[in-house]
PDB file of all heavy atoms in Angstrom:
ATOM      1  N   ARG A   1      12.462   4.824  -1.581  1.00  0.00           N
ATOM      2  CA  ARG A   1      11.105   5.235  -1.293  1.00  0.00           C
ATOM      3  C   ARG A   1      10.118   4.105  -1.448  1.00  0.00           C
ATOM      4  O   ARG A   1      10.030   3.453  -2.495  1.00  0.00           O
ATOM      5  CB  ARG A   1      10.702   6.470  -2.262  1.00  0.00           C
ATOM      6  CG  ARG A   1       9.295   7.070  -1.887  1.00  0.00           C
ATOM      7  CD  ARG A   1       9.035   8.196  -2.876  1.00  0.00           C
ATOM      8  NE  ARG A   1       7.674   8.692  -2.685  1.00  0.00           N
ATOM      9  CZ  ARG A   1       7.090   9.505  -3.438  1.00  0.00           C
ATOM     10  NH1 ARG A   1       7.648   9.854  -4.589  1.00  0.00           N
ATOM     11  NH2 ARG A   1       5.899   9.983  -3.202  1.00  0.00           N
ATOM     12  N   LEU A   2       9.398   3.827  -0.400  1.00  0.00           N
ATOM     13  CA  LEU A   2       8.415   2.718  -0.352  1.00  0.00           C
ATOM     14  C   LEU A   2       7.034   3.233  -0.759  1.00  0.00           C
ATOM     15  O   LEU A   2       6.395   3.921  -0.040  1.00  0.00           O
ATOM     16  CB  LEU A   2       8.351   2.083   1.048  1.00  0.00           C
ATOM     17  CG  LEU A   2       9.729   1.599   1.633  1.00  0.00           C
ATOM     18  CD1 LEU A   2       9.464   0.922   2.963  1.00  0.00           C
ATOM     19  CD2 LEU A   2      10.400   0.654   0.655  1.00  0.00           C
ATOM     20  N   THR A   3       6.671   2.912  -2.026  1.00  0.00           N
ATOM     21  CA  THR A   3       5.439   3.420  -2.588  1.00  0.00           C
ATOM     22  C   THR A   3       4.423   2.333  -2.851  1.00  0.00           C
ATOM     23  O   THR A   3       3.376   2.602  -3.492  1.00  0.00           O
ATOM     24  CB  THR A   3       5.723   4.216  -3.860  1.00  0.00           C
ATOM     25  OG1 THR A   3       6.417   3.386  -4.796  1.00  0.00           O
ATOM     26  CG2 THR A   3       6.578   5.445  -3.623  1.00  0.00           C
ATOM     27  N   GLU A   4       4.664   1.107  -2.431  1.00  0.00           N
ATOM     28  CA  GLU A   4       3.731  -0.022  -2.547  1.00  0.00           C
ATOM     29  C   GLU A   4       3.201  -0.294  -1.167  1.00  0.00           C
ATOM     30  O   GLU A   4       3.943  -0.721  -0.301  1.00  0.00           O
ATOM     31  CB  GLU A   4       4.367  -1.219  -3.177  1.00  0.00           C
ATOM     32  CG  GLU A   4       4.577  -1.136  -4.708  1.00  0.00           C
ATOM     33  CD  GLU A   4       4.908  -2.450  -5.314  1.00  0.00           C
ATOM     34  OE1 GLU A   4       5.255  -3.422  -4.558  1.00  0.00           O
ATOM     35  OE2 GLU A   4       4.904  -2.614  -6.576  1.00  0.00           O
ATOM     36  N   TRP A   5       1.897  -0.119  -0.996  1.00  0.00           N
ATOM     37  CA  TRP A   5       1.280  -0.373   0.271  1.00  0.00           C
ATOM     38  C   TRP A   5       0.496  -1.716   0.138  1.00  0.00           C
ATOM     39  O   TRP A   5      -0.401  -1.828  -0.665  1.00  0.00           O
ATOM     40  CB  TRP A   5       0.320   0.811   0.676  1.00  0.00           C
ATOM     41  CG  TRP A   5       1.125   2.034   1.096  1.00  0.00           C
ATOM     42  CD1 TRP A   5       2.435   2.186   1.092  1.00  0.00           C
ATOM     43  CD2 TRP A   5       0.548   3.223   1.471  1.00  0.00           C
ATOM     44  NE1 TRP A   5       2.803   3.447   1.521  1.00  0.00           N
ATOM     45  CE2 TRP A   5       1.553   4.132   1.764  1.00  0.00           C
ATOM     46  CE3 TRP A   5      -0.722   3.710   1.709  1.00  0.00           C
ATOM     47  CZ2 TRP A   5       1.435   5.414   2.199  1.00  0.00           C
ATOM     48  CZ3 TRP A   5      -0.894   5.006   2.104  1.00  0.00           C
ATOM     49  CH2 TRP A   5       0.077   5.855   2.405  1.00  0.00           C
ATOM     50  N   ARG A   6       0.843  -2.663   1.023  1.00  0.00           N
ATOM     51  CA  ARG A   6       0.196  -3.970   0.970  1.00  0.00           C
ATOM     52  C   ARG A   6      -0.829  -4.027   2.101  1.00  0.00           C
ATOM     53  O   ARG A   6      -0.481  -3.892   3.308  1.00  0.00           O
ATOM     54  CB  ARG A   6       1.310  -5.106   1.058  1.00  0.00           C
ATOM     55  CG  ARG A   6       2.204  -5.121  -0.150  1.00  0.00           C
ATOM     56  CD  ARG A   6       3.242  -6.228   0.069  1.00  0.00           C
ATOM     57  NE  ARG A   6       4.146  -6.285  -1.120  1.00  0.00           N
ATOM     58  CZ  ARG A   6       5.192  -5.616  -1.266  1.00  0.00           C
ATOM     59  NH1 ARG A   6       5.578  -4.663  -0.375  1.00  0.00           N
ATOM     60  NH2 ARG A   6       5.916  -5.682  -2.335  1.00  0.00           N
ATOM     61  N   LEU A   7      -2.035  -4.390   1.726  1.00  0.00           N
ATOM     62  CA  LEU A   7      -3.120  -4.457   2.715  1.00  0.00           C
ATOM     63  C   LEU A   7      -3.795  -5.835   2.633  1.00  0.00           C
ATOM     64  O   LEU A   7      -3.741  -6.488   1.674  1.00  0.00           O
ATOM     65  CB  LEU A   7      -4.238  -3.372   2.360  1.00  0.00           C
ATOM     66  CG  LEU A   7      -3.757  -1.937   2.368  1.00  0.00           C
ATOM     67  CD1 LEU A   7      -4.642  -1.100   1.492  1.00  0.00           C
ATOM     68  CD2 LEU A   7      -3.691  -1.418   3.838  1.00  0.00           C
ATOM     69  N   HIS A   8      -4.414  -6.205   3.758  1.00  0.00           N
ATOM     70  CA  HIS A   8      -5.220  -7.482   3.688  1.00  0.00           C
ATOM     71  C   HIS A   8      -6.347  -7.330   4.741  1.00  0.00           C
ATOM     72  O   HIS A   8      -6.364  -6.577   5.610  1.00  0.00           O
ATOM     73  CB  HIS A   8      -4.319  -8.617   4.061  1.00  0.00           C
ATOM     74  CG  HIS A   8      -3.752  -8.608   5.494  1.00  0.00           C
ATOM     75  ND1 HIS A   8      -2.523  -8.082   5.794  1.00  0.00           N
ATOM     76  CD2 HIS A   8      -4.267  -8.990   6.640  1.00  0.00           C
ATOM     77  CE1 HIS A   8      -2.328  -8.184   7.079  1.00  0.00           C
ATOM     78  NE2 HIS A   8      -3.354  -8.715   7.608  1.00  0.00           N
ATOM     79  N   LYS A   9      -7.319  -8.219   4.513  1.00  0.00           N
ATOM     80  CA  LYS A   9      -8.456  -8.383   5.384  1.00  0.00           C
ATOM     81  C   LYS A   9      -8.300  -9.639   6.261  1.00  0.00           C
ATOM     82  O   LYS A   9      -7.515 -10.589   5.829  1.00  0.00           O
ATOM     83  CB  LYS A   9      -9.719  -8.505   4.579  1.00  0.00           C
ATOM     84  CG  LYS A   9     -10.242  -7.185   4.018  1.00  0.00           C
ATOM     85  CD  LYS A   9     -11.643  -7.492   3.335  1.00  0.00           C
ATOM     86  CE  LYS A   9     -12.278  -6.211   2.880  1.00  0.00           C
ATOM     87  NZ  LYS A   9     -13.634  -6.417   2.258  1.00  0.00           N
ATOM     88  N   GLN A  10      -9.067  -9.742   7.232  1.00  0.00           N
ATOM     89  CA  GLN A  10      -9.010 -10.960   8.080  1.00  0.00           C
ATOM     90  C   GLN A  10      -9.531 -12.168   7.321  1.00  0.00           C
ATOM     91  O   GLN A  10      -9.271 -13.279   7.633  1.00  0.00           O
ATOM     92  CB  GLN A  10      -9.851 -10.761   9.380  1.00  0.00           C
ATOM     93  CG  GLN A  10      -9.100  -9.866  10.378  1.00  0.00           C
ATOM     94  CD  GLN A  10      -9.850  -9.760  11.697  1.00  0.00           C
ATOM     95  OE1 GLN A  10     -10.981 -10.258  11.824  1.00  0.00           O
ATOM     96  NE2 GLN A  10      -9.199  -9.189  12.701  1.00  0.00           N
ATOM     97  N   THR A  11     -10.326 -11.908   6.264  1.00  0.00           N
ATOM     98  CA  THR A  11     -10.915 -12.993   5.460  1.00  0.00           C
ATOM     99  C   THR A  11      -9.844 -13.613   4.539  1.00  0.00           C
ATOM    100  O   THR A  11     -10.146 -14.646   3.937  1.00  0.00           O
ATOM    101  CB  THR A  11     -12.015 -12.443   4.623  1.00  0.00           C
ATOM    102  OG1 THR A  11     -11.493 -11.343   3.760  1.00  0.00           O
ATOM    103  CG2 THR A  11     -13.210 -11.911   5.445  1.00  0.00           C
ATOM    104  N   GLY A  12      -8.708 -12.923   4.395  1.00  0.00           N
ATOM    105  CA  GLY A  12      -7.642 -13.431   3.558  1.00  0.00           C
ATOM    106  C   GLY A  12      -7.467 -12.654   2.320  1.00  0.00           C
ATOM    107  O   GLY A  12      -6.467 -12.911   1.569  1.00  0.00           O
ATOM    108  N   GLU A  13      -8.401 -11.842   1.990  1.00  0.00           N
ATOM    109  CA  GLU A  13      -8.301 -10.964   0.808  1.00  0.00           C
ATOM    110  C   GLU A  13      -7.180  -9.979   0.960  1.00  0.00           C
ATOM    111  O   GLU A  13      -7.022  -9.408   1.993  1.00  0.00           O
ATOM    112  CB  GLU A  13      -9.622 -10.221   0.516  1.00  0.00           C
ATOM    113  CG  GLU A  13      -9.659  -9.401  -0.719  1.00  0.00           C
ATOM    114  CD  GLU A  13     -11.017  -8.731  -0.989  1.00  0.00           C
ATOM    115  OE1 GLU A  13     -11.901  -8.949  -0.100  1.00  0.00           O
ATOM    116  OE2 GLU A  13     -11.144  -7.942  -1.855  1.00  0.00           O
ATOM    117  N   SER A  14      -6.427  -9.772  -0.137  1.00  0.00           N
ATOM    118  CA  SER A  14      -5.306  -8.842  -0.062  1.00  0.00           C
ATOM    119  C   SER A  14      -5.311  -7.894  -1.212  1.00  0.00           C
ATOM    120  O   SER A  14      -5.983  -8.199  -2.284  1.00  0.00           O
ATOM    121  CB  SER A  14      -3.982  -9.626   0.021  1.00  0.00           C
ATOM    122  OG  SER A  14      -3.781 -10.441  -1.180  1.00  0.00           O
ATOM    123  N   ALA A  15      -4.563  -6.802  -1.104  1.00  0.00           N
ATOM    124  CA  ALA A  15      -4.425  -5.853  -2.201  1.00  0.00           C
ATOM    125  C   ALA A  15      -3.070  -5.105  -2.000  1.00  0.00           C
ATOM    126  O   ALA A  15      -2.634  -4.841  -0.922  1.00  0.00           O
ATOM    127  CB  ALA A  15      -5.601  -4.809  -2.173  1.00  0.00           C
ATOM    128  N   THR A  16      -2.487  -4.798  -3.220  1.00  0.00           N
ATOM    129  CA  THR A  16      -1.279  -4.019  -3.180  1.00  0.00           C
ATOM    130  C   THR A  16      -1.524  -2.789  -4.080  1.00  0.00           C
ATOM    131  O   THR A  16      -1.886  -2.864  -5.164  1.00  0.00           O
ATOM    132  CB  THR A  16      -0.043  -4.792  -3.806  1.00  0.00           C
ATOM    133  OG1 THR A  16       0.173  -5.960  -2.933  1.00  0.00           O
ATOM    134  CG2 THR A  16       1.195  -3.955  -3.767  1.00  0.00           C
ATOM    135  N   VAL A  17      -1.301  -1.588  -3.420  1.00  0.00           N
ATOM    136  CA  VAL A  17      -1.585  -0.350  -4.186  1.00  0.00           C
ATOM    137  C   VAL A  17      -0.285   0.452  -4.326  1.00  0.00           C
ATOM    138  O   VAL A  17       0.471   0.593  -3.425  1.00  0.00           O
ATOM    139  CB  VAL A  17      -2.640   0.434  -3.401  1.00  0.00           C
ATOM    140  CG1 VAL A  17      -2.954   1.774  -4.136  1.00  0.00           C
ATOM    141  CG2 VAL A  17      -3.864  -0.359  -3.063  1.00  0.00           C
ATOM    142  N   LYS A  18      -0.098   0.905  -5.550  1.00  0.00           N
ATOM    143  CA  LYS A  18       0.995   1.852  -5.872  1.00  0.00           C
ATOM    144  C   LYS A  18       0.501   3.240  -5.498  1.00  0.00           C
ATOM    145  O   LYS A  18      -0.406   3.732  -6.123  1.00  0.00           O
ATOM    146  CB  LYS A  18       1.425   1.737  -7.330  1.00  0.00           C
ATOM    147  CG  LYS A  18       2.614   2.675  -7.713  1.00  0.00           C
ATOM    148  CD  LYS A  18       3.890   1.973  -7.310  1.00  0.00           C
ATOM    149  CE  LYS A  18       5.034   2.756  -7.918  1.00  0.00           C
ATOM    150  NZ  LYS A  18       6.342   2.195  -7.499  1.00  0.00           N
ATOM    151  N   VAL A  19       1.162   3.895  -4.573  1.00  0.00           N
ATOM    152  CA  VAL A  19       0.765   5.173  -4.074  1.00  0.00           C
ATOM    153  C   VAL A  19       1.695   6.281  -4.510  1.00  0.00           C
ATOM    154  O   VAL A  19       2.844   5.960  -4.909  1.00  0.00           O
ATOM    155  CB  VAL A  19       0.558   5.303  -2.602  1.00  0.00           C
ATOM    156  CG1 VAL A  19      -0.498   4.249  -2.123  1.00  0.00           C
ATOM    157  CG2 VAL A  19       1.876   4.998  -1.883  1.00  0.00           C
ATOM    158  N   GLN A  20       1.236   7.405  -4.464  1.00  0.00           N
ATOM    159  CA  GLN A  20       2.013   8.614  -4.873  1.00  0.00           C
ATOM    160  C   GLN A  20       1.704   9.795  -3.986  1.00  0.00           C
ATOM    161  O   GLN A  20       0.569   9.797  -3.325  1.00  0.00           O
ATOM    162  CB  GLN A  20       1.865   8.956  -6.309  1.00  0.00           C
ATOM    163  CG  GLN A  20       0.486   9.336  -6.655  1.00  0.00           C
ATOM    164  CD  GLN A  20       0.312   9.593  -8.180  1.00  0.00           C
ATOM    165  OE1 GLN A  20       1.305   9.727  -8.916  1.00  0.00           O
ATOM    166  NE2 GLN A  20      -0.941   9.676  -8.658  1.00  0.00           N
ATOM    167  N   GLY A  21       2.562  10.774  -3.859  1.00  0.00           N
ATOM    168  CA  GLY A  21       2.263  12.008  -3.024  1.00  0.00           C
ATOM    169  C   GLY A  21       3.381  13.000  -3.254  1.00  0.00           C
ATOM    170  O   GLY A  21       4.290  12.825  -3.891  1.00  0.00           O
ATOM    171  N   ASP A  22       3.095  14.201  -2.705  1.00  0.00           N
ATOM    172  CA  ASP A  22       4.014  15.334  -2.923  1.00  0.00           C
ATOM    173  C   ASP A  22       5.096  15.521  -1.914  1.00  0.00           C
ATOM    174  O   ASP A  22       5.832  16.438  -1.894  1.00  0.00           O
ATOM    175  CB  ASP A  22       3.199  16.595  -3.069  1.00  0.00           C
ATOM    176  CG  ASP A  22       2.499  16.980  -1.785  1.00  0.00           C
ATOM    177  OD1 ASP A  22       2.615  16.271  -0.792  1.00  0.00           O
ATOM    178  OD2 ASP A  22       1.782  18.074  -1.833  1.00  0.00           O
ATOM    179  N   ARG A  23       5.146  14.559  -0.923  1.00  0.00           N
ATOM    180  CA  ARG A  23       6.215  14.618   0.100  1.00  0.00           C
ATOM    181  C   ARG A  23       6.446  13.222   0.701  1.00  0.00           C
ATOM    182  O   ARG A  23       5.556  12.420   0.768  1.00  0.00           O
ATOM    183  CB  ARG A  23       5.940  15.675   1.152  1.00  0.00           C
ATOM    184  CG  ARG A  23       4.598  15.341   2.001  1.00  0.00           C
ATOM    185  CD  ARG A  23       4.147  16.586   2.676  1.00  0.00           C
ATOM    186  NE  ARG A  23       3.504  17.433   1.723  1.00  0.00           N
ATOM    187  CZ  ARG A  23       3.067  18.734   1.999  1.00  0.00           C
ATOM    188  NH1 ARG A  23       3.294  19.233   3.218  1.00  0.00           N
ATOM    189  NH2 ARG A  23       2.474  19.443   1.107  1.00  0.00           N
ATOM    190  N   TRP A  24       7.686  12.960   1.110  1.00  0.00           N
ATOM    191  CA  TRP A  24       8.048  11.759   1.729  1.00  0.00           C
ATOM    192  C   TRP A  24       9.293  12.033   2.556  1.00  0.00           C
ATOM    193  O   TRP A  24       9.981  13.025   2.390  1.00  0.00           O
ATOM    194  CB  TRP A  24       8.287  10.663   0.739  1.00  0.00           C
ATOM    195  CG  TRP A  24       9.357  10.927  -0.297  1.00  0.00           C
ATOM    196  CD1 TRP A  24      10.666  10.651  -0.336  1.00  0.00           C
ATOM    197  CD2 TRP A  24       9.028  11.623  -1.562  1.00  0.00           C
ATOM    198  NE1 TRP A  24      11.237  11.083  -1.534  1.00  0.00           N
ATOM    199  CE2 TRP A  24      10.320  11.661  -2.359  1.00  0.00           C
ATOM    200  CE3 TRP A  24       7.975  12.167  -2.217  1.00  0.00           C
ATOM    201  CZ2 TRP A  24      10.430  12.246  -3.551  1.00  0.00           C
ATOM    202  CZ3 TRP A  24       8.101  12.718  -3.450  1.00  0.00           C
ATOM    203  CH2 TRP A  24       9.296  12.739  -4.090  1.00  0.00           C
ATOM    204  N   SER A  25       9.640  11.134   3.535  1.00  0.00           N
ATOM    205  CA  SER A  25      10.780  11.368   4.411  1.00  0.00           C
ATOM    206  C   SER A  25      11.296   9.986   4.939  1.00  0.00           C
ATOM    207  O   SER A  25      10.648   8.989   4.778  1.00  0.00           O
ATOM    208  CB  SER A  25      10.392  12.253   5.556  1.00  0.00           C
ATOM    209  OG  SER A  25       9.736  11.579   6.533  1.00  0.00           O
TER     210      SER A  25
END
């Protein structure tokens, strides 16, 4: 299960968020 979402901006700023939820597939 992939629960780390990696995001970035065009400016170069980045963030990695540990997500959770009640369903996945």
